[in-house]
Amino acid sequence: MNHWSIPNIPHKGWTCIDVIDVRGDGQSTDETDYETCEMCGNEKIRYVHVMEHPDLETNFRVGCICAEKMSDDYVNPRRLESKLRNRAARRARWTSRSWKVSRQGNKYLNLEGFNLVIFQRGSGWGFKIEPIRGRAEFSSSVYRSEQEAMRALFDQFWKKTSDSNLIWNLEN
């Protein structure tokens, strides 16, 4: 449905309250349940901008271009979507990075003041995130495979550091 042509639907004054990547981590293109923009009707939206308006009770789920027009902000919707694209691309490449091997036989990366380690934990795998200054954080779960532990490490490290342009080079 095209809400742009409906008179009682506001065209301006919207606020973006969230941006969602509808493709789950590790999910293929064919498995992705894409959404349709609720403002213009464009199909196959992967990055959904959730918009709210003070005069409406329901939020609209829209694509980036409609989010820009609705919020009259032509910078932040694209920046937020770019951050999600960046995360998805980096996560896809994470396990194939050039991990070093410690004397103990554990794979590790040193990134901008963090020592990231994958290690065997009983019959499974765990991880450690240790800043140069501060306390180490260990995984609370045991993972079935080294690859699964690496992906969990990425997710936790991203949560801790995603606002750091130094680590992720997110400034475009």
Protein backbone atom coordinates (compact mmCIF):
# COMPACT_ATOMS: atom_id res chain seq x y z
CA MET A 1 0.00 0.00 0.00
CA ASN A 2 1.20 3.51 -0.76
CA HIS A 3 0.56 5.70 2.29
CA TRP A 4 2.14 8.74 0.62
CA SER A 5 -1.14 9.29 -1.23
CA ILE A 6 -3.40 8.97 1.83
CA PRO A 7 -4.35 12.47 3.08
CA ASN A 8 -4.55 11.78 6.85
CA ILE A 9 -1.11 10.12 7.02
CA PRO A 10 1.52 12.73 7.95
CA HIS A 11 4.43 13.09 5.55
CA LYS A 12 6.78 14.92 7.96
CA GLY A 13 7.46 14.99 11.69
CA TRP A 14 8.42 11.34 12.05
CA THR A 15 11.20 10.03 14.29
CA CYS A 16 13.25 6.92 13.60
CA ILE A 17 13.22 4.83 16.78
CA ASP A 18 15.06 1.77 15.49
CA VAL A 19 16.68 0.19 12.44
CA ILE A 20 16.48 -3.58 12.08
CA ASP A 21 18.32 -6.02 9.82
CA VAL A 22 15.65 -8.64 9.05
CA ARG A 23 18.27 -11.11 7.82
CA GLY A 24 19.37 -13.19 10.78
CA ASP A 25 23.06 -13.77 11.38
CA GLY A 26 24.25 -16.51 9.05
CA GLN A 27 20.97 -16.55 7.12
CA SER A 28 21.12 -16.75 3.32
CA THR A 29 19.44 -14.36 0.90
CA ASP A 30 16.88 -17.03 0.02
CA GLU A 31 16.02 -17.64 3.68
CA THR A 32 15.49 -13.96 4.48
CA ASP A 33 11.93 -12.89 5.17
CA TYR A 34 12.11 -9.39 3.66
CA GLU A 35 9.54 -6.75 4.54
CA THR A 36 7.56 -4.30 2.44
CA CYS A 37 7.85 -0.56 3.08
CA GLU A 38 4.62 0.54 4.74
CA MET A 39 4.91 4.02 3.26
CA CYS A 40 5.63 3.46 -0.43
CA GLY A 41 4.94 -0.26 -0.85
CA ASN A 42 8.45 -1.07 -2.07
CA GLU A 43 9.09 -4.75 -1.55
CA LYS A 44 12.16 -6.61 -0.36
CA ILE A 45 13.31 -4.25 2.39
CA ARG A 46 16.16 -5.82 4.37
CA TYR A 47 16.99 -2.87 6.63
CA VAL A 48 13.74 -1.73 8.23
CA HIS A 49 13.50 1.74 9.78
CA VAL A 50 10.86 1.85 12.52
CA MET A 51 9.24 5.29 12.46
CA GLU A 52 6.93 6.90 15.00
CA HIS A 53 4.80 10.02 14.75
CA PRO A 54 3.24 11.93 17.68
CA ASP A 55 -0.17 12.04 15.95
CA LEU A 56 -0.38 8.29 15.27
CA GLU A 57 -0.64 5.32 17.61
CA THR A 58 1.06 2.84 15.29
CA ASN A 59 4.62 2.85 14.05
CA PHE A 60 5.49 2.45 10.38
CA ARG A 61 8.18 0.06 9.12
CA VAL A 62 9.83 1.64 6.10
CA GLY A 63 12.92 1.65 3.89
CA CYS A 64 15.77 4.13 4.10
CA ILE A 65 14.53 6.58 1.44
CA CYS A 66 11.08 6.87 3.01
CA ALA A 67 12.68 7.21 6.48
CA GLU A 68 14.75 10.14 5.19
CA LYS A 69 11.71 11.88 3.72
CA MET A 70 9.47 11.21 6.73
CA SER A 71 12.02 12.50 9.27
CA ASP A 72 13.37 15.23 6.98
CA ASP A 73 16.79 13.87 7.96
CA TYR A 74 18.98 12.90 5.04
CA VAL A 75 21.99 11.83 7.11
CA ASN A 76 21.06 9.65 10.10
CA PRO A 77 18.80 7.02 8.50
CA ARG A 78 21.52 6.22 5.97
CA ARG A 79 24.21 6.28 8.68
CA LEU A 80 22.25 3.86 10.89
CA GLU A 81 21.62 1.53 7.97
CA SER A 82 25.28 1.73 6.98
CA LYS A 83 26.26 0.67 10.49
CA LEU A 84 24.07 -2.44 10.20
CA ARG A 85 25.48 -3.23 6.75
CA ASN A 86 28.99 -2.80 8.15
CA ARG A 87 28.23 -5.16 11.04
CA ALA A 88 26.77 -7.84 8.76
CA ALA A 89 29.77 -7.71 6.40
CA ARG A 90 32.31 -7.80 9.21
CA ARG A 91 30.53 -10.67 10.96
CA ALA A 92 30.49 -12.67 7.72
CA ARG A 93 34.29 -12.27 7.42
CA TRP A 94 35.09 -12.61 11.14
CA THR A 95 35.90 -16.34 11.30
CA SER A 96 38.12 -16.18 8.20
CA ARG A 97 40.35 -13.41 9.60
CA SER A 98 44.04 -14.15 10.18
CA TRP A 99 43.84 -15.36 13.78
CA LYS A 100 47.18 -15.83 15.52
CA VAL A 101 47.88 -18.86 17.71
CA SER A 102 49.22 -18.42 21.25
CA ARG A 103 51.80 -20.67 22.93
CA GLN A 104 48.87 -22.41 24.62
CA GLY A 105 47.37 -23.16 21.19
CA ASN A 106 44.49 -20.68 21.47
CA LYS A 107 43.46 -18.51 18.54
CA TYR A 108 43.52 -14.79 19.25
CA LEU A 109 43.32 -11.30 17.76
CA ASN A 110 44.69 -8.07 19.19
CA LEU A 111 42.46 -5.17 18.11
CA GLU A 112 42.94 -1.57 19.24
CA GLY A 113 43.69 -2.35 22.86
CA PHE A 114 41.68 -5.57 23.17
CA ASN A 115 42.96 -9.14 23.34
CA LEU A 116 40.27 -11.46 21.92
CA VAL A 117 40.82 -15.16 22.57
CA ILE A 118 39.04 -18.38 21.56
CA PHE A 119 39.84 -21.39 23.75
CA GLN A 120 38.67 -24.92 24.44
CA ARG A 121 36.43 -25.16 27.47
CA GLY A 122 35.72 -28.73 28.49
CA SER A 123 34.18 -30.45 25.51
CA GLY A 124 33.27 -27.13 23.89
CA TRP A 125 34.63 -23.67 23.21
CA GLY A 126 34.64 -20.30 24.98
CA PHE A 127 36.04 -16.82 24.48
CA LYS A 128 37.66 -13.98 26.37
CA ILE A 129 37.57 -10.23 25.71
CA GLU A 130 40.35 -8.49 27.61
CA PRO A 131 41.02 -4.76 27.33
CA ILE A 132 44.59 -3.56 27.96
CA ARG A 133 43.25 -1.65 30.94
CA GLY A 134 40.44 -3.37 32.72
CA ARG A 135 39.11 -6.77 33.56
CA ALA A 136 38.74 -9.69 31.21
CA GLU A 137 35.23 -10.78 30.27
CA PHE A 138 34.72 -14.50 29.65
CA SER A 139 31.88 -16.11 27.73
CA SER A 140 29.10 -17.34 29.99
CA SER A 141 28.18 -20.09 27.53
CA VAL A 142 30.04 -23.06 26.14
CA TYR A 143 29.85 -23.30 22.34
CA ARG A 144 29.76 -26.50 20.29
CA SER A 145 32.40 -25.39 17.81
CA GLU A 146 35.30 -23.00 17.49
CA GLN A 147 33.43 -21.16 14.70
CA GLU A 148 30.34 -20.73 16.89
CA ALA A 149 32.52 -19.32 19.71
CA MET A 150 34.15 -16.93 17.23
CA ARG A 151 30.76 -15.62 16.09
CA ALA A 152 29.59 -15.25 19.70
CA LEU A 153 32.81 -13.37 20.48
CA PHE A 154 32.14 -11.04 17.54
CA ASP A 155 28.58 -10.36 18.75
CA GLN A 156 29.73 -9.56 22.29
CA PHE A 157 32.69 -7.47 21.11
CA TRP A 158 30.40 -5.53 18.75
CA LYS A 159 28.00 -4.78 21.62
CA LYS A 160 30.87 -3.46 23.73
CA THR A 161 32.60 -1.43 21.02
CA SER A 162 30.18 -0.64 18.16
CA ASP A 163 30.27 3.07 18.97
CA SER A 164 34.06 3.13 18.56
CA ASN A 165 35.00 4.55 15.17
CA LEU A 166 38.63 3.77 15.99
CA ILE A 167 38.00 0.00 16.14
CA TRP A 168 35.40 -0.35 13.40
CA ASN A 169 36.26 2.66 11.19
CA LEU A 170 32.57 3.55 10.81
CA GLU A 171 33.00 7.16 9.70
CA ASN A 172 32.14 7.45 6.01
